[in-house]
N, C-alpha and C. Protein backbone atom coordinates (compact mmCIF):
# COMPACT_ATOMS: atom_id res chain seq x y z
N MET A 1 42.07 148.55 139.07
CA MET A 1 41.69 149.50 138.06
C MET A 1 42.89 150.21 137.45
N LEU A 2 44.06 150.04 138.04
CA LEU A 2 45.21 150.80 137.62
C LEU A 2 46.19 149.96 136.84
N GLY A 3 46.97 150.64 135.99
CA GLY A 3 48.09 149.98 135.35
C GLY A 3 47.72 149.09 134.20
N THR A 4 48.72 148.37 133.67
CA THR A 4 48.52 147.45 132.55
C THR A 4 49.16 146.12 132.91
N ARG A 5 48.61 145.44 133.89
CA ARG A 5 49.17 144.19 134.39
C ARG A 5 48.50 142.99 133.74
N LYS A 6 49.02 141.83 134.02
CA LYS A 6 48.45 140.60 133.47
C LYS A 6 47.03 140.43 133.98
N ASN A 7 46.10 140.13 133.09
CA ASN A 7 44.70 140.03 133.47
C ASN A 7 44.12 138.70 133.03
N ASN A 8 42.80 138.61 133.14
CA ASN A 8 42.10 137.37 132.80
C ASN A 8 42.38 136.95 131.36
N PRO A 9 42.39 135.65 131.11
CA PRO A 9 42.52 135.16 129.73
C PRO A 9 41.21 135.34 128.97
N ALA A 10 41.19 134.86 127.74
CA ALA A 10 39.98 134.93 126.92
C ALA A 10 38.82 134.25 127.63
N SER A 11 37.62 134.76 127.37
CA SER A 11 36.42 134.23 128.01
C SER A 11 35.30 134.15 126.98
N PRO A 12 34.81 132.94 126.66
CA PRO A 12 33.69 132.81 125.72
C PRO A 12 32.45 133.57 126.19
N LEU A 13 32.20 133.59 127.50
CA LEU A 13 31.04 134.29 128.03
C LEU A 13 31.15 135.79 127.76
N ARG A 14 32.29 136.37 128.11
CA ARG A 14 32.46 137.81 127.90
C ARG A 14 32.52 138.16 126.42
N ALA A 15 33.04 137.24 125.62
CA ALA A 15 33.06 137.47 124.17
C ALA A 15 31.63 137.52 123.63
N GLN A 16 30.79 136.62 124.11
CA GLN A 16 29.40 136.59 123.66
C GLN A 16 28.66 137.86 124.10
N ILE A 17 28.92 138.31 125.31
CA ILE A 17 28.28 139.54 125.80
C ILE A 17 28.70 140.72 124.92
N GLY A 18 29.99 140.80 124.63
CA GLY A 18 30.48 141.90 123.82
C GLY A 18 29.86 141.93 122.44
N GLN A 19 29.77 140.77 121.82
CA GLN A 19 29.20 140.69 120.47
C GLN A 19 27.72 141.02 120.48
N SER A 20 27.00 140.50 121.47
CA SER A 20 25.56 140.74 121.55
C SER A 20 25.24 142.21 121.76
N VAL A 21 25.96 142.87 122.66
CA VAL A 21 25.71 144.28 122.94
C VAL A 21 26.06 145.13 121.73
N SER A 22 27.21 144.85 121.11
CA SER A 22 27.61 145.62 119.93
C SER A 22 26.58 145.53 118.82
N GLN A 23 26.09 144.34 118.56
CA GLN A 23 25.09 144.15 117.52
C GLN A 23 23.81 144.92 117.85
N ARG A 24 23.43 144.91 119.10
CA ARG A 24 22.21 145.61 119.51
C ARG A 24 22.37 147.12 119.36
N LEU A 25 23.51 147.63 119.77
CA LEU A 25 23.74 149.07 119.67
C LEU A 25 23.82 149.52 118.22
N GLU A 26 24.47 148.73 117.38
CA GLU A 26 24.63 149.11 115.98
C GLU A 26 23.32 149.04 115.20
N ALA A 27 22.34 148.33 115.75
CA ALA A 27 21.02 148.27 115.12
C ALA A 27 20.11 149.40 115.57
N ASN A 28 20.58 150.19 116.54
CA ASN A 28 19.78 151.28 117.07
C ASN A 28 20.10 152.57 116.32
N PRO A 29 19.13 153.19 115.68
CA PRO A 29 19.40 154.39 114.87
C PRO A 29 19.87 155.59 115.68
N GLY A 30 19.63 155.58 116.98
CA GLY A 30 20.06 156.70 117.80
C GLY A 30 21.50 156.62 118.25
N VAL A 31 22.13 155.47 118.00
CA VAL A 31 23.50 155.22 118.48
C VAL A 31 24.50 155.37 117.34
N LYS A 32 25.64 155.97 117.64
CA LYS A 32 26.72 156.11 116.67
C LYS A 32 27.97 155.42 117.21
N LYS A 33 28.69 154.74 116.33
CA LYS A 33 29.92 154.07 116.75
C LYS A 33 31.12 154.97 116.48
N ALA A 34 32.02 155.02 117.45
CA ALA A 34 33.24 155.82 117.26
C ALA A 34 34.10 155.21 116.16
N LYS A 35 34.73 156.07 115.38
CA LYS A 35 35.54 155.61 114.25
C LYS A 35 36.96 155.29 114.69
N ILE A 36 37.06 154.28 115.54
CA ILE A 36 38.35 153.77 116.00
C ILE A 36 38.31 152.25 115.94
N THR A 37 39.47 151.63 115.93
CA THR A 37 39.54 150.17 115.86
C THR A 37 40.06 149.56 117.16
N ALA A 38 40.58 150.38 118.06
CA ALA A 38 41.21 149.85 119.27
C ALA A 38 40.21 149.31 120.28
N ALA A 39 38.98 149.81 120.24
CA ALA A 39 37.95 149.40 121.20
C ALA A 39 36.59 149.69 120.60
N ASP A 40 35.57 149.02 121.14
CA ASP A 40 34.19 149.27 120.72
C ASP A 40 33.61 150.37 121.61
N VAL A 41 33.47 151.56 121.02
CA VAL A 41 32.99 152.74 121.74
C VAL A 41 31.79 153.31 120.98
N TYR A 42 30.73 153.66 121.72
CA TYR A 42 29.50 154.13 121.11
C TYR A 42 28.99 155.40 121.79
N TYR A 43 28.29 156.24 121.00
CA TYR A 43 27.68 157.47 121.51
C TYR A 43 26.17 157.41 121.31
N TYR A 44 25.45 158.01 122.24
CA TYR A 44 24.01 158.23 122.07
C TYR A 44 23.75 159.68 122.49
N PRO A 45 23.74 160.62 121.54
CA PRO A 45 23.51 162.03 121.88
C PRO A 45 22.10 162.25 122.42
N ASN A 46 21.97 163.22 123.32
CA ASN A 46 20.66 163.62 123.87
C ASN A 46 19.90 162.43 124.46
N TYR A 47 20.62 161.54 125.10
CA TYR A 47 19.99 160.35 125.66
C TYR A 47 19.07 160.69 126.83
N LEU A 48 19.51 161.62 127.68
CA LEU A 48 18.69 162.03 128.81
C LEU A 48 18.13 163.42 128.58
N SER A 49 16.95 163.64 129.09
CA SER A 49 16.30 164.96 129.00
C SER A 49 16.96 165.92 129.99
N ASP A 50 16.73 167.22 129.76
CA ASP A 50 17.23 168.23 130.70
C ASP A 50 16.65 167.99 132.10
N ARG A 51 15.42 167.60 132.16
CA ARG A 51 14.77 167.35 133.45
C ARG A 51 15.47 166.22 134.21
N ASP A 52 15.77 165.13 133.51
CA ASP A 52 16.46 164.01 134.17
C ASP A 52 17.87 164.41 134.58
N CYS A 53 18.56 165.16 133.73
CA CYS A 53 19.91 165.60 134.07
C CYS A 53 19.90 166.47 135.32
N ASP A 54 18.96 167.40 135.39
CA ASP A 54 18.88 168.28 136.55
C ASP A 54 18.54 167.50 137.82
N MET A 55 17.65 166.51 137.71
CA MET A 55 17.29 165.70 138.86
C MET A 55 18.50 164.93 139.39
N LEU A 56 19.28 164.35 138.46
CA LEU A 56 20.46 163.58 138.87
C LEU A 56 21.53 164.48 139.47
N ILE A 57 21.70 165.67 138.94
CA ILE A 57 22.66 166.62 139.51
C ILE A 57 22.27 166.95 140.96
N ASP A 58 20.98 167.19 141.19
CA ASP A 58 20.51 167.47 142.55
C ASP A 58 20.77 166.30 143.48
N LYS A 59 20.56 165.08 143.00
CA LYS A 59 20.80 163.89 143.82
C LYS A 59 22.28 163.76 144.17
N ILE A 60 23.14 164.04 143.20
CA ILE A 60 24.58 163.94 143.42
C ILE A 60 25.03 164.98 144.44
N ASP A 61 24.56 166.21 144.29
CA ASP A 61 24.93 167.27 145.23
C ASP A 61 24.48 166.94 146.65
N ALA A 62 23.31 166.31 146.77
CA ALA A 62 22.76 166.01 148.10
C ALA A 62 23.47 164.85 148.78
N GLY A 63 23.98 163.89 147.98
CA GLY A 63 24.55 162.68 148.59
C GLY A 63 26.02 162.46 148.35
N ARG A 64 26.72 163.44 147.83
CA ARG A 64 28.11 163.23 147.44
C ARG A 64 29.05 163.05 148.63
N ARG A 65 30.10 162.27 148.37
CA ARG A 65 31.17 161.99 149.32
C ARG A 65 32.46 161.92 148.51
N ARG A 66 33.58 161.88 149.17
CA ARG A 66 34.85 161.79 148.47
C ARG A 66 34.92 160.45 147.72
N SER A 67 35.30 160.48 146.46
CA SER A 67 35.41 159.26 145.67
C SER A 67 36.49 158.35 146.23
N THR A 68 36.26 157.04 146.13
CA THR A 68 37.24 156.06 146.59
C THR A 68 37.91 155.41 145.39
N LEU A 69 38.98 154.67 145.66
CA LEU A 69 39.77 154.04 144.61
C LEU A 69 39.90 152.56 144.91
N LEU A 70 39.48 151.70 143.98
CA LEU A 70 39.60 150.27 144.15
C LEU A 70 40.96 149.83 143.60
N SER A 71 41.94 149.82 144.47
CA SER A 71 43.30 149.50 144.05
C SER A 71 44.18 149.26 145.27
N ASP A 72 45.25 148.50 145.07
CA ASP A 72 46.25 148.34 146.13
C ASP A 72 47.18 149.54 146.21
N THR A 73 47.10 150.43 145.22
CA THR A 73 47.90 151.64 145.20
C THR A 73 47.13 152.77 145.87
N HIS A 74 47.76 153.45 146.80
CA HIS A 74 47.09 154.52 147.54
C HIS A 74 47.73 155.86 147.16
N ASP A 75 47.08 156.54 146.23
CA ASP A 75 47.55 157.83 145.76
C ASP A 75 46.41 158.82 145.93
N PRO A 76 46.50 159.75 146.89
CA PRO A 76 45.38 160.65 147.17
C PRO A 76 45.05 161.59 146.01
N TYR A 77 45.94 161.71 145.04
CA TYR A 77 45.70 162.62 143.91
C TYR A 77 45.23 161.89 142.66
N PHE A 78 45.09 160.55 142.74
CA PHE A 78 44.72 159.79 141.55
C PHE A 78 43.27 160.04 141.16
N ARG A 79 42.38 159.99 142.14
CA ARG A 79 40.96 160.24 141.90
C ARG A 79 40.48 161.24 142.94
N THR A 80 40.17 162.45 142.51
CA THR A 80 39.90 163.52 143.46
C THR A 80 38.47 164.05 143.40
N SER A 81 37.60 163.35 142.68
CA SER A 81 36.21 163.78 142.55
C SER A 81 35.39 163.41 143.78
N ASP A 82 34.11 163.78 143.75
CA ASP A 82 33.12 163.29 144.72
C ASP A 82 32.21 162.31 144.01
N SER A 83 31.65 161.36 144.77
CA SER A 83 30.77 160.34 144.20
C SER A 83 29.49 160.22 145.02
N CYS A 84 28.50 159.60 144.41
CA CYS A 84 27.22 159.36 145.08
C CYS A 84 26.61 158.09 144.52
N ASP A 85 26.37 157.10 145.37
CA ASP A 85 25.70 155.87 144.94
C ASP A 85 24.19 156.13 144.98
N LEU A 86 23.57 156.08 143.81
CA LEU A 86 22.16 156.41 143.70
C LEU A 86 21.27 155.21 144.02
N ASP A 87 20.13 155.45 144.59
CA ASP A 87 19.21 154.39 144.98
C ASP A 87 18.50 153.84 143.74
N ARG A 88 18.92 152.66 143.32
CA ARG A 88 18.39 152.10 142.07
C ARG A 88 16.91 151.77 142.15
N TRP A 89 16.35 151.65 143.35
CA TRP A 89 14.94 151.27 143.49
C TRP A 89 14.03 152.48 143.69
N SER A 90 14.59 153.67 143.75
CA SER A 90 13.74 154.85 143.93
C SER A 90 12.94 155.10 142.66
N PRO A 91 11.75 155.68 142.76
CA PRO A 91 10.90 155.90 141.57
C PRO A 91 11.52 156.83 140.54
N GLU A 92 12.49 157.65 140.94
CA GLU A 92 13.14 158.56 139.99
C GLU A 92 14.32 157.90 139.30
N ILE A 93 15.06 157.06 140.02
CA ILE A 93 16.29 156.47 139.48
C ILE A 93 16.02 155.17 138.72
N ARG A 94 15.10 154.38 139.20
CA ARG A 94 14.88 153.05 138.60
C ARG A 94 14.60 153.08 137.11
N PRO A 95 13.73 153.98 136.61
CA PRO A 95 13.48 153.98 135.16
C PRO A 95 14.74 154.29 134.34
N ILE A 96 15.59 155.18 134.84
CA ILE A 96 16.82 155.51 134.12
C ILE A 96 17.78 154.34 134.16
N ASP A 97 17.92 153.74 135.33
CA ASP A 97 18.81 152.59 135.51
C ASP A 97 18.41 151.44 134.58
N GLU A 98 17.13 151.11 134.58
CA GLU A 98 16.67 149.98 133.76
C GLU A 98 16.69 150.32 132.27
N ARG A 99 16.49 151.57 131.94
CA ARG A 99 16.53 151.98 130.54
C ARG A 99 17.92 151.77 129.95
N ILE A 100 18.96 152.05 130.74
CA ILE A 100 20.33 151.82 130.27
C ILE A 100 20.57 150.34 130.02
N SER A 101 20.14 149.50 130.96
CA SER A 101 20.30 148.05 130.81
C SER A 101 19.58 147.55 129.57
N ASN A 102 18.37 148.03 129.35
CA ASN A 102 17.59 147.60 128.19
C ASN A 102 18.22 148.06 126.88
N LEU A 103 18.79 149.24 126.89
CA LEU A 103 19.46 149.74 125.68
C LEU A 103 20.59 148.81 125.27
N LEU A 104 21.39 148.38 126.23
CA LEU A 104 22.51 147.49 125.93
C LEU A 104 22.08 146.03 125.78
N GLY A 105 20.90 145.72 126.27
CA GLY A 105 20.44 144.34 126.21
C GLY A 105 21.09 143.45 127.24
N ILE A 106 21.49 144.03 128.37
CA ILE A 106 22.09 143.28 129.47
C ILE A 106 21.09 143.20 130.61
N ASP A 107 20.91 142.02 131.17
CA ASP A 107 19.97 141.83 132.27
C ASP A 107 20.30 142.80 133.40
N THR A 108 19.26 143.40 133.96
CA THR A 108 19.45 144.39 135.02
C THR A 108 20.19 143.82 136.23
N VAL A 109 20.11 142.51 136.46
CA VAL A 109 20.77 141.91 137.63
C VAL A 109 22.29 141.91 137.49
N LYS A 110 22.79 142.17 136.28
CA LYS A 110 24.24 142.21 136.08
C LYS A 110 24.80 143.63 136.19
N GLY A 111 23.92 144.61 136.39
CA GLY A 111 24.36 145.99 136.47
C GLY A 111 24.64 146.44 137.89
N GLU A 112 25.75 147.13 138.08
CA GLU A 112 26.04 147.72 139.37
C GLU A 112 25.13 148.93 139.59
N THR A 113 25.10 149.41 140.83
CA THR A 113 24.31 150.59 141.16
C THR A 113 24.80 151.79 140.35
N LEU A 114 23.87 152.56 139.84
CA LEU A 114 24.22 153.78 139.12
C LEU A 114 24.95 154.73 140.07
N GLN A 115 26.13 155.17 139.65
CA GLN A 115 26.95 156.04 140.51
C GLN A 115 27.09 157.42 139.88
N GLY A 116 26.87 158.45 140.67
CA GLY A 116 27.08 159.81 140.21
C GLY A 116 28.45 160.30 140.62
N GLN A 117 29.03 161.18 139.78
CA GLN A 117 30.33 161.77 140.11
C GLN A 117 30.28 163.27 139.84
N ARG A 118 30.97 164.01 140.69
CA ARG A 118 31.04 165.47 140.57
C ARG A 118 32.51 165.90 140.57
N TYR A 119 32.89 166.67 139.56
CA TYR A 119 34.25 167.16 139.42
C TYR A 119 34.25 168.69 139.48
N ALA A 120 34.82 169.25 140.54
CA ALA A 120 35.00 170.70 140.64
C ALA A 120 36.30 171.08 139.93
N PRO A 121 36.55 172.36 139.74
CA PRO A 121 37.80 172.76 139.08
C PRO A 121 39.03 172.14 139.74
N GLY A 122 39.90 171.56 138.91
CA GLY A 122 41.11 170.93 139.39
C GLY A 122 40.96 169.46 139.72
N GLN A 123 39.73 168.96 139.83
CA GLN A 123 39.52 167.55 140.16
C GLN A 123 39.61 166.68 138.91
N GLN A 124 40.04 165.43 139.11
CA GLN A 124 40.34 164.56 137.97
C GLN A 124 40.24 163.09 138.40
N PHE A 125 40.35 162.22 137.40
CA PHE A 125 40.50 160.77 137.62
C PHE A 125 41.56 160.33 136.62
N ARG A 126 42.76 160.09 137.11
CA ARG A 126 43.88 159.77 136.22
C ARG A 126 43.65 158.46 135.46
N ALA A 127 44.48 158.21 134.47
CA ALA A 127 44.28 157.08 133.55
C ALA A 127 44.14 155.75 134.29
N HIS A 128 43.09 155.03 133.96
CA HIS A 128 42.76 153.77 134.64
C HIS A 128 41.92 152.90 133.71
N HIS A 129 41.74 151.66 134.10
CA HIS A 129 40.83 150.75 133.41
C HIS A 129 39.61 150.54 134.29
N ASP A 130 38.45 150.31 133.68
CA ASP A 130 37.26 149.98 134.44
C ASP A 130 37.20 148.49 134.77
N TYR A 131 37.86 147.65 133.98
CA TYR A 131 37.87 146.23 134.30
C TYR A 131 38.77 145.98 135.51
N PHE A 132 38.61 144.80 136.12
CA PHE A 132 39.36 144.46 137.31
C PHE A 132 40.67 143.75 136.95
N HIS A 133 41.72 144.12 137.64
CA HIS A 133 43.01 143.46 137.45
C HIS A 133 43.11 142.27 138.41
N THR A 134 43.30 141.10 137.86
CA THR A 134 43.27 139.88 138.67
C THR A 134 44.47 139.73 139.59
N THR A 135 45.50 140.56 139.42
CA THR A 135 46.66 140.51 140.30
C THR A 135 46.46 141.36 141.56
N GLU A 136 45.38 142.14 141.61
CA GLU A 136 45.13 142.98 142.77
C GLU A 136 44.41 142.19 143.86
N SER A 137 44.59 142.61 145.10
CA SER A 137 44.03 141.86 146.24
C SER A 137 42.50 141.87 146.25
N TYR A 138 41.89 142.87 145.62
CA TYR A 138 40.42 142.95 145.62
C TYR A 138 39.76 141.91 144.72
N TRP A 139 40.54 141.26 143.84
CA TRP A 139 39.95 140.40 142.82
C TRP A 139 39.15 139.23 143.42
N GLU A 140 39.62 138.63 144.48
CA GLU A 140 38.89 137.51 145.07
C GLU A 140 37.49 137.94 145.50
N ARG A 141 37.38 139.12 146.05
CA ARG A 141 36.05 139.62 146.44
C ARG A 141 35.20 139.93 145.22
N MET A 142 35.81 140.51 144.18
CA MET A 142 35.06 140.83 142.97
C MET A 142 34.52 139.58 142.29
N LYS A 143 35.28 138.49 142.33
CA LYS A 143 34.81 137.22 141.74
C LYS A 143 33.53 136.75 142.41
N GLN A 144 33.42 136.99 143.71
CA GLN A 144 32.25 136.56 144.46
C GLN A 144 31.06 137.51 144.26
N GLU A 145 31.32 138.69 143.75
CA GLU A 145 30.27 139.70 143.62
C GLU A 145 29.78 139.89 142.18
N GLY A 146 30.12 138.94 141.30
CA GLY A 146 29.64 139.04 139.92
C GLY A 146 30.71 138.94 138.87
N GLY A 147 31.97 138.83 139.30
CA GLY A 147 33.05 138.63 138.33
C GLY A 147 33.48 139.90 137.62
N GLN A 148 34.07 139.71 136.46
CA GLN A 148 34.68 140.79 135.70
C GLN A 148 33.65 141.80 135.19
N ARG A 149 34.08 143.05 135.11
CA ARG A 149 33.26 144.06 134.44
C ARG A 149 33.36 143.89 132.93
N THR A 150 32.26 144.12 132.25
CA THR A 150 32.24 144.00 130.80
C THR A 150 32.06 145.38 130.16
N TRP A 151 30.87 145.94 130.24
CA TRP A 151 30.57 147.23 129.60
C TRP A 151 30.48 148.36 130.61
N THR A 152 30.81 149.55 130.13
CA THR A 152 30.63 150.79 130.90
C THR A 152 29.67 151.69 130.14
N ALA A 153 28.72 152.29 130.86
CA ALA A 153 27.81 153.30 130.29
C ALA A 153 27.92 154.55 131.14
N MET A 154 28.24 155.68 130.53
CA MET A 154 28.46 156.92 131.25
C MET A 154 27.71 158.06 130.58
N ILE A 155 26.97 158.84 131.37
CA ILE A 155 26.17 159.93 130.83
C ILE A 155 26.67 161.26 131.40
N TYR A 156 26.93 162.22 130.52
CA TYR A 156 27.29 163.57 130.94
C TYR A 156 26.01 164.34 131.24
N LEU A 157 25.95 164.96 132.41
CA LEU A 157 24.73 165.63 132.84
C LEU A 157 24.73 167.13 132.56
N ASN A 158 25.89 167.66 132.19
CA ASN A 158 25.96 169.09 131.89
C ASN A 158 27.13 169.40 130.97
N ASP A 159 27.07 170.54 130.32
CA ASP A 159 28.22 171.04 129.58
C ASP A 159 29.22 171.62 130.58
N VAL A 160 30.49 171.57 130.24
CA VAL A 160 31.53 172.11 131.11
C VAL A 160 32.26 173.22 130.36
N GLU A 161 32.46 174.33 131.03
CA GLU A 161 33.04 175.50 130.38
C GLU A 161 34.42 175.22 129.80
N GLU A 162 35.26 174.51 130.56
CA GLU A 162 36.60 174.18 130.06
C GLU A 162 37.13 172.95 130.81
N GLY A 163 37.71 172.01 130.05
CA GLY A 163 38.29 170.81 130.65
C GLY A 163 37.25 169.72 130.88
N GLY A 164 37.67 168.66 131.59
CA GLY A 164 36.75 167.59 131.97
C GLY A 164 36.48 166.55 130.92
N ALA A 165 37.25 166.50 129.85
CA ALA A 165 37.03 165.50 128.79
C ALA A 165 37.37 164.09 129.29
N THR A 166 36.76 163.11 128.66
CA THR A 166 37.13 161.71 128.88
C THR A 166 38.09 161.33 127.77
N TRP A 167 39.31 160.98 128.13
CA TRP A 167 40.39 160.75 127.17
C TRP A 167 40.84 159.30 127.20
N PHE A 168 40.80 158.66 126.04
CA PHE A 168 41.34 157.31 125.86
C PHE A 168 42.66 157.48 125.09
N PRO A 169 43.79 157.64 125.78
CA PRO A 169 45.05 157.98 125.10
C PRO A 169 45.55 156.91 124.15
N GLN A 170 45.32 155.64 124.47
CA GLN A 170 45.82 154.56 123.61
C GLN A 170 44.86 154.23 122.48
N ALA A 171 43.58 154.44 122.72
CA ALA A 171 42.58 154.18 121.67
C ALA A 171 42.48 155.35 120.70
N GLY A 172 42.93 156.53 121.14
CA GLY A 172 42.93 157.70 120.26
C GLY A 172 41.61 158.41 120.16
N ILE A 173 40.95 158.63 121.30
CA ILE A 173 39.67 159.32 121.28
C ILE A 173 39.54 160.17 122.54
N ARG A 174 38.94 161.35 122.37
CA ARG A 174 38.72 162.26 123.48
C ARG A 174 37.30 162.81 123.36
N VAL A 175 36.52 162.70 124.43
CA VAL A 175 35.11 163.08 124.40
C VAL A 175 34.88 164.23 125.38
N ALA A 176 34.43 165.36 124.87
CA ALA A 176 34.12 166.51 125.72
C ALA A 176 32.74 166.33 126.34
N PRO A 177 32.57 166.79 127.58
CA PRO A 177 31.25 166.69 128.22
C PRO A 177 30.18 167.41 127.41
N LYS A 178 29.07 166.74 127.22
CA LYS A 178 27.93 167.30 126.49
C LYS A 178 26.65 166.85 127.18
N ARG A 179 25.87 167.79 127.62
CA ARG A 179 24.67 167.48 128.40
C ARG A 179 23.79 166.44 127.71
N GLY A 180 23.50 165.35 128.44
CA GLY A 180 22.62 164.31 127.94
C GLY A 180 23.29 163.23 127.11
N LEU A 181 24.58 163.38 126.79
CA LEU A 181 25.29 162.41 125.95
C LEU A 181 25.62 161.15 126.73
N LEU A 182 25.26 160.01 126.18
CA LEU A 182 25.60 158.71 126.75
C LEU A 182 26.78 158.13 125.98
N LEU A 183 27.84 157.80 126.70
CA LEU A 183 29.04 157.19 126.13
C LEU A 183 29.14 155.76 126.66
N MET A 184 29.31 154.80 125.75
CA MET A 184 29.37 153.38 126.13
C MET A 184 30.58 152.73 125.51
N TRP A 185 31.22 151.80 126.25
CA TRP A 185 32.32 151.06 125.65
C TRP A 185 32.47 149.68 126.29
N ASN A 186 32.99 148.78 125.47
CA ASN A 186 33.27 147.41 125.90
C ASN A 186 34.68 147.37 126.47
N ASN A 187 34.81 146.96 127.72
CA ASN A 187 36.12 146.88 128.36
C ASN A 187 36.91 145.64 127.96
N MET A 188 36.28 144.78 127.16
CA MET A 188 36.92 143.54 126.72
C MET A 188 37.29 143.58 125.24
N LYS A 189 38.20 142.71 124.85
CA LYS A 189 38.53 142.47 123.45
C LYS A 189 37.48 141.52 122.86
N PRO A 190 37.48 141.31 121.54
CA PRO A 190 36.51 140.39 120.94
C PRO A 190 36.56 138.98 121.51
N ASP A 191 37.73 138.55 122.02
CA ASP A 191 37.83 137.19 122.59
C ASP A 191 37.43 137.14 124.06
N GLY A 192 37.01 138.27 124.61
CA GLY A 192 36.56 138.30 126.00
C GLY A 192 37.66 138.55 127.02
N SER A 193 38.85 138.83 126.58
CA SER A 193 39.93 139.17 127.50
C SER A 193 39.97 140.69 127.67
N PRO A 194 40.48 141.19 128.81
CA PRO A 194 40.51 142.64 129.04
C PRO A 194 41.28 143.40 127.96
N ASN A 195 40.73 144.51 127.56
CA ASN A 195 41.32 145.33 126.52
C ASN A 195 42.12 146.47 127.17
N ASP A 196 43.44 146.35 127.17
CA ASP A 196 44.29 147.37 127.77
C ASP A 196 44.10 148.74 127.13
N LEU A 197 43.65 148.76 125.86
CA LEU A 197 43.51 150.02 125.14
C LEU A 197 42.29 150.83 125.58
N THR A 198 41.49 150.28 126.51
CA THR A 198 40.39 151.06 127.08
C THR A 198 40.86 151.93 128.24
N LEU A 199 42.14 152.01 128.46
CA LEU A 199 42.69 152.93 129.45
C LEU A 199 42.12 154.33 129.18
N HIS A 200 41.56 154.96 130.20
CA HIS A 200 40.94 156.26 130.01
C HIS A 200 41.12 157.14 131.24
N GLU A 201 40.96 158.42 131.01
CA GLU A 201 41.20 159.41 132.06
C GLU A 201 40.07 160.43 132.08
N GLY A 202 39.61 160.76 133.28
CA GLY A 202 38.71 161.89 133.45
C GLY A 202 39.58 163.12 133.66
N MET A 203 39.79 163.87 132.59
CA MET A 203 40.72 164.99 132.64
C MET A 203 40.23 166.08 133.60
N ALA A 204 41.17 166.80 134.16
CA ALA A 204 40.84 167.82 135.16
C ALA A 204 39.92 168.89 134.59
N VAL A 205 38.94 169.27 135.38
CA VAL A 205 38.09 170.39 135.02
C VAL A 205 38.88 171.68 135.24
N VAL A 206 38.79 172.59 134.29
CA VAL A 206 39.48 173.87 134.40
C VAL A 206 38.51 174.96 134.86
N LYS A 207 37.36 175.04 134.20
CA LYS A 207 36.33 176.01 134.58
C LYS A 207 34.98 175.30 134.61
N GLY A 208 34.20 175.59 135.63
CA GLY A 208 32.89 174.97 135.76
C GLY A 208 32.93 173.75 136.65
N THR A 209 31.84 173.01 136.66
CA THR A 209 31.72 171.78 137.43
C THR A 209 31.15 170.70 136.52
N LYS A 210 31.73 169.53 136.56
CA LYS A 210 31.31 168.42 135.71
C LYS A 210 30.51 167.40 136.52
N TYR A 211 29.36 167.01 135.98
CA TYR A 211 28.53 165.97 136.59
C TYR A 211 28.33 164.83 135.60
N ILE A 212 28.50 163.61 136.06
CA ILE A 212 28.23 162.43 135.24
C ILE A 212 27.59 161.35 136.10
N VAL A 213 26.96 160.39 135.45
CA VAL A 213 26.56 159.15 136.11
C VAL A 213 27.17 157.99 135.31
N THR A 214 27.59 156.97 136.03
CA THR A 214 28.24 155.82 135.42
C THR A 214 27.58 154.53 135.88
N LYS A 215 27.39 153.61 134.94
CA LYS A 215 26.87 152.29 135.27
C LYS A 215 27.80 151.24 134.68
N TRP A 216 28.30 150.36 135.54
CA TRP A 216 29.17 149.27 135.11
C TRP A 216 28.39 147.96 135.13
N PHE A 217 28.72 147.09 134.19
CA PHE A 217 28.06 145.79 134.10
C PHE A 217 29.06 144.67 134.33
N ARG A 218 28.60 143.62 135.01
CA ARG A 218 29.42 142.45 135.30
C ARG A 218 29.10 141.31 134.33
N GLU A 219 29.97 140.32 134.32
CA GLU A 219 29.74 139.15 133.47
C GLU A 219 28.68 138.22 134.05
N ASP A 220 28.42 138.34 135.35
CA ASP A 220 27.44 137.49 136.02
C ASP A 220 26.56 138.39 136.90
N VAL A 221 25.72 137.80 137.68
CA VAL A 221 24.81 138.55 138.55
C VAL A 221 25.63 139.33 139.58
N TRP A 222 25.35 140.64 139.67
CA TRP A 222 26.08 141.47 140.62
C TRP A 222 25.49 141.28 142.01
N LEU A 223 26.32 140.86 142.93
CA LEU A 223 25.90 140.60 144.31
C LEU A 223 26.61 141.58 145.23
N LYS A 224 25.86 142.43 145.86
CA LYS A 224 26.45 143.45 146.73
C LYS A 224 25.58 143.68 147.93
């Protein structure tokens, strides 16, 4: 997830996924495309209700643990948030999980478990990519578990008093937390190769606490 190293070559499969999802999102009147050319980034304001946001915040608080880092680099200050893997089959989580998949038009079997994250003041996630770097030791295992990540869908569950923005420094976009806002982006280029310009950072919270849920999608069936 770290750095800008040599990654997978072009992939017709991932290119097709990217094109299909983009077309579907752009046909949805509730979705807006970010005015940048470096990456395909989309917004869906007020995607989740206050009730759903509050329910997810409660789930995250009840099940949170220290966030882990999928990388050969061990830096205790790189990702300092708490995380919670939500039960995708529970009657409260499943409708939200499947609704995200249906919005993007990606089969639910390609979606990873919905993960919640909590950022207290001072906590952050430094600049990283969501796609997998094939030079890292974890890649062999990731290939067996569904292959490369394609799309990311992230929902802000609350407003944050200060800080906590999601910053894409190379793509030139910064998104402040907004309750119910769904942010989506394609981690690949149009040819299906990893897009280095999707490098992004969960900036440190200054005041308040930030809650989000994130769902990552694979190019094939996610096996875990």
